[in-house]
Amino acid sequence: MGSNRQYIRIKCDSQCILMDIDGSTYDAMLGDISLGGALVIMSDGVHSRLQVGDVCDLMLCNNPDSCPVKHSCRVIRMDSTNMGVRFLTNRAQ
C-alpha cells in the first residue's frame, strides 16, 4: 500500500509549543514537518485538553515570547504522546 501524503515530510528533533484556543501552552517536540502539517510529540506527563478536530497554534520555538509566527492548525489524529496537526494558515503575532 503506497503513501497518499501530499507533501514530503522532514524528520525533526526540535522544540515547539502548542497553544490551545484559551491560550494554554504545552511544551513539545517536532517529530516531523511538511508543508501540510506536523507530527508533535508531547512532553512526558503533559496531557493537553486538545482533541481531534480542535484548532490550535503551533510555534516553532521553545519560548512563546520569542516566536514571531504562529501556525494555525487542526488536530487530525492523536494518541497518548503523539499528535498530528494539519496547517490551516500562518500569521504574524
C-alpha atoms as a PDB file:
ATOM      1  CA  MET A   1       0.000   0.000   0.000  1.00  0.00           C
ATOM      2  CA  GLY A   2       1.526   3.308  -1.100  1.00  0.00           C
ATOM      3  CA  SER A   3       1.625   6.575   0.775  1.00  0.00           C
ATOM      4  CA  ASN A   4      -1.042   9.116  -0.133  1.00  0.00           C
ATOM      5  CA  ARG A   5       0.701  12.061   1.512  1.00  0.00           C
ATOM      6  CA  GLN A   6       0.664  15.282  -0.466  1.00  0.00           C
ATOM      7  CA  TYR A   7       3.954  16.690   0.889  1.00  0.00           C
ATOM      8  CA  ILE A   8       7.377  15.304   1.730  1.00  0.00           C
ATOM      9  CA  ARG A   9       7.964  15.025   5.480  1.00  0.00           C
ATOM     10  CA  ILE A  10      11.251  16.104   7.053  1.00  0.00           C
ATOM     11  CA  LYS A  11      12.344  14.452  10.309  1.00  0.00           C
ATOM     12  CA  CYS A  12      12.944  16.903  13.151  1.00  0.00           C
ATOM     13  CA  ASP A  13      14.099  16.891  16.718  1.00  0.00           C
ATOM     14  CA  SER A  14      13.440  20.452  17.804  1.00  0.00           C
ATOM     15  CA  GLN A  15      11.354  22.070  20.494  1.00  0.00           C
ATOM     16  CA  CYS A  16       7.975  23.595  19.766  1.00  0.00           C
ATOM     17  CA  ILE A  17       4.955  24.922  21.638  1.00  0.00           C
ATOM     18  CA  LEU A  18       1.285  24.139  21.122  1.00  0.00           C
ATOM     19  CA  MET A  19      -1.280  26.730  22.199  1.00  0.00           C
ATOM     20  CA  ASP A  20      -4.944  25.858  22.575  1.00  0.00           C
ATOM     21  CA  ILE A  21      -7.876  28.184  21.977  1.00  0.00           C
ATOM     22  CA  ASP A  22      -7.863  29.548  25.566  1.00  0.00           C
ATOM     23  CA  GLY A  23      -4.137  30.411  25.425  1.00  0.00           C
ATOM     24  CA  SER A  24      -2.799  27.461  27.433  1.00  0.00           C
ATOM     25  CA  THR A  25       0.614  26.396  26.133  1.00  0.00           C
ATOM     26  CA  TYR A  26       2.195  22.940  26.028  1.00  0.00           C
ATOM     27  CA  ASP A  27       5.893  22.183  25.545  1.00  0.00           C
ATOM     28  CA  ALA A  28       6.500  19.582  22.858  1.00  0.00           C
ATOM     29  CA  MET A  29       8.954  18.308  20.241  1.00  0.00           C
ATOM     30  CA  LEU A  30       8.546  18.140  16.479  1.00  0.00           C
ATOM     31  CA  GLY A  31       8.785  14.590  15.162  1.00  0.00           C
ATOM     32  CA  ASP A  32       8.488  15.661  11.541  1.00  0.00           C
ATOM     33  CA  ILE A  33       7.144  18.545   9.499  1.00  0.00           C
ATOM     34  CA  SER A  34       5.928  19.166   5.950  1.00  0.00           C
ATOM     35  CA  LEU A  35       4.202  21.962   4.072  1.00  0.00           C
ATOM     36  CA  GLY A  36       0.885  20.434   5.113  1.00  0.00           C
ATOM     37  CA  GLY A  37       1.374  19.700   8.800  1.00  0.00           C
ATOM     38  CA  ALA A  38       3.497  18.227  11.552  1.00  0.00           C
ATOM     39  CA  LEU A  39       3.880  15.368  13.995  1.00  0.00           C
ATOM     40  CA  VAL A  40       4.048  16.821  17.500  1.00  0.00           C
ATOM     41  CA  ILE A  41       5.389  14.716  20.363  1.00  0.00           C
ATOM     42  CA  MET A  42       4.057  15.893  23.696  1.00  0.00           C
ATOM     43  CA  SER A  43       6.453  16.149  26.641  1.00  0.00           C
ATOM     44  CA  ASP A  44       6.279  13.367  29.221  1.00  0.00           C
ATOM     45  CA  GLY A  45       3.439  13.914  31.641  1.00  0.00           C
ATOM     46  CA  VAL A  46       1.856  16.665  29.547  1.00  0.00           C
ATOM     47  CA  HIS A  47      -1.740  15.957  28.622  1.00  0.00           C
ATOM     48  CA  SER A  48      -3.345  18.765  26.666  1.00  0.00           C
ATOM     49  CA  ARG A  49      -7.030  19.459  26.517  1.00  0.00           C
ATOM     50  CA  LEU A  50      -6.831  19.304  22.727  1.00  0.00           C
ATOM     51  CA  GLN A  51      -8.882  16.681  20.916  1.00  0.00           C
ATOM     52  CA  VAL A  52      -9.143  15.553  17.289  1.00  0.00           C
ATOM     53  CA  GLY A  53     -10.867  18.340  15.340  1.00  0.00           C
ATOM     54  CA  ASP A  54      -9.728  21.158  17.642  1.00  0.00           C
ATOM     55  CA  VAL A  55      -7.941  24.217  16.267  1.00  0.00           C
ATOM     56  CA  CYS A  56      -4.647  25.224  17.910  1.00  0.00           C
ATOM     57  CA  ASP A  57      -1.492  27.195  17.188  1.00  0.00           C
ATOM     58  CA  LEU A  58       1.959  25.688  16.681  1.00  0.00           C
ATOM     59  CA  MET A  59       5.015  27.817  17.419  1.00  0.00           C
ATOM     60  CA  LEU A  60       8.359  26.540  16.157  1.00  0.00           C
ATOM     61  CA  CYS A  61      10.395  27.676  19.146  1.00  0.00           C
ATOM     62  CA  ASN A  62      10.712  26.994  22.872  1.00  0.00           C
ATOM     63  CA  ASN A  63       9.634  30.429  24.164  1.00  0.00           C
ATOM     64  CA  PRO A  64       6.252  31.877  23.134  1.00  0.00           C
ATOM     65  CA  ASP A  65       7.525  35.434  23.675  1.00  0.00           C
ATOM     66  CA  SER A  66      10.227  34.992  21.015  1.00  0.00           C
ATOM     67  CA  CYS A  67       8.100  33.366  18.283  1.00  0.00           C
ATOM     68  CA  PRO A  68       7.193  35.848  15.536  1.00  0.00           C
ATOM     69  CA  VAL A  69       4.835  33.399  13.770  1.00  0.00           C
ATOM     70  CA  LYS A  70       2.036  31.133  14.918  1.00  0.00           C
ATOM     71  CA  HIS A  71       0.918  28.375  12.589  1.00  0.00           C
ATOM     72  CA  SER A  72      -2.816  27.745  12.930  1.00  0.00           C
ATOM     73  CA  CYS A  73      -3.526  24.018  12.861  1.00  0.00           C
ATOM     74  CA  ARG A  74      -6.272  21.476  13.251  1.00  0.00           C
ATOM     75  CA  VAL A  75      -5.607  18.315  15.259  1.00  0.00           C
ATOM     76  CA  ILE A  76      -6.198  15.441  12.844  1.00  0.00           C
ATOM     77  CA  ARG A  77      -5.016  12.476  14.918  1.00  0.00           C
ATOM     78  CA  MET A  78      -3.594  11.744  18.340  1.00  0.00           C
ATOM     79  CA  ASP A  79      -2.622   9.016  20.750  1.00  0.00           C
ATOM     80  CA  SER A  80      -1.168   9.144  24.265  1.00  0.00           C
ATOM     81  CA  THR A  81       2.010  11.025  23.254  1.00  0.00           C
ATOM     82  CA  ASN A  82       1.788  11.973  19.554  1.00  0.00           C
ATOM     83  CA  MET A  83      -0.406  14.497  17.815  1.00  0.00           C
ATOM     84  CA  GLY A  84      -0.758  15.024  14.075  1.00  0.00           C
ATOM     85  CA  VAL A  85      -1.720  18.554  13.046  1.00  0.00           C
ATOM     86  CA  ARG A  86      -2.652  19.978   9.643  1.00  0.00           C
ATOM     87  CA  PHE A  87      -1.641  23.579   8.935  1.00  0.00           C
ATOM     88  CA  LEU A  88      -4.514  25.967   8.260  1.00  0.00           C
ATOM     89  CA  THR A  89      -2.703  29.332   7.963  1.00  0.00           C
ATOM     90  CA  ASN A  90       0.438  31.195   9.002  1.00  0.00           C
ATOM     91  CA  ARG A  91       0.114  34.510  10.769  1.00  0.00           C
ATOM     92  CA  ALA A  92       2.369  37.006  12.450  1.00  0.00           C
ATOM     93  CA  GLN A  93       1.606  37.791  16.088  1.00  0.00           C
END
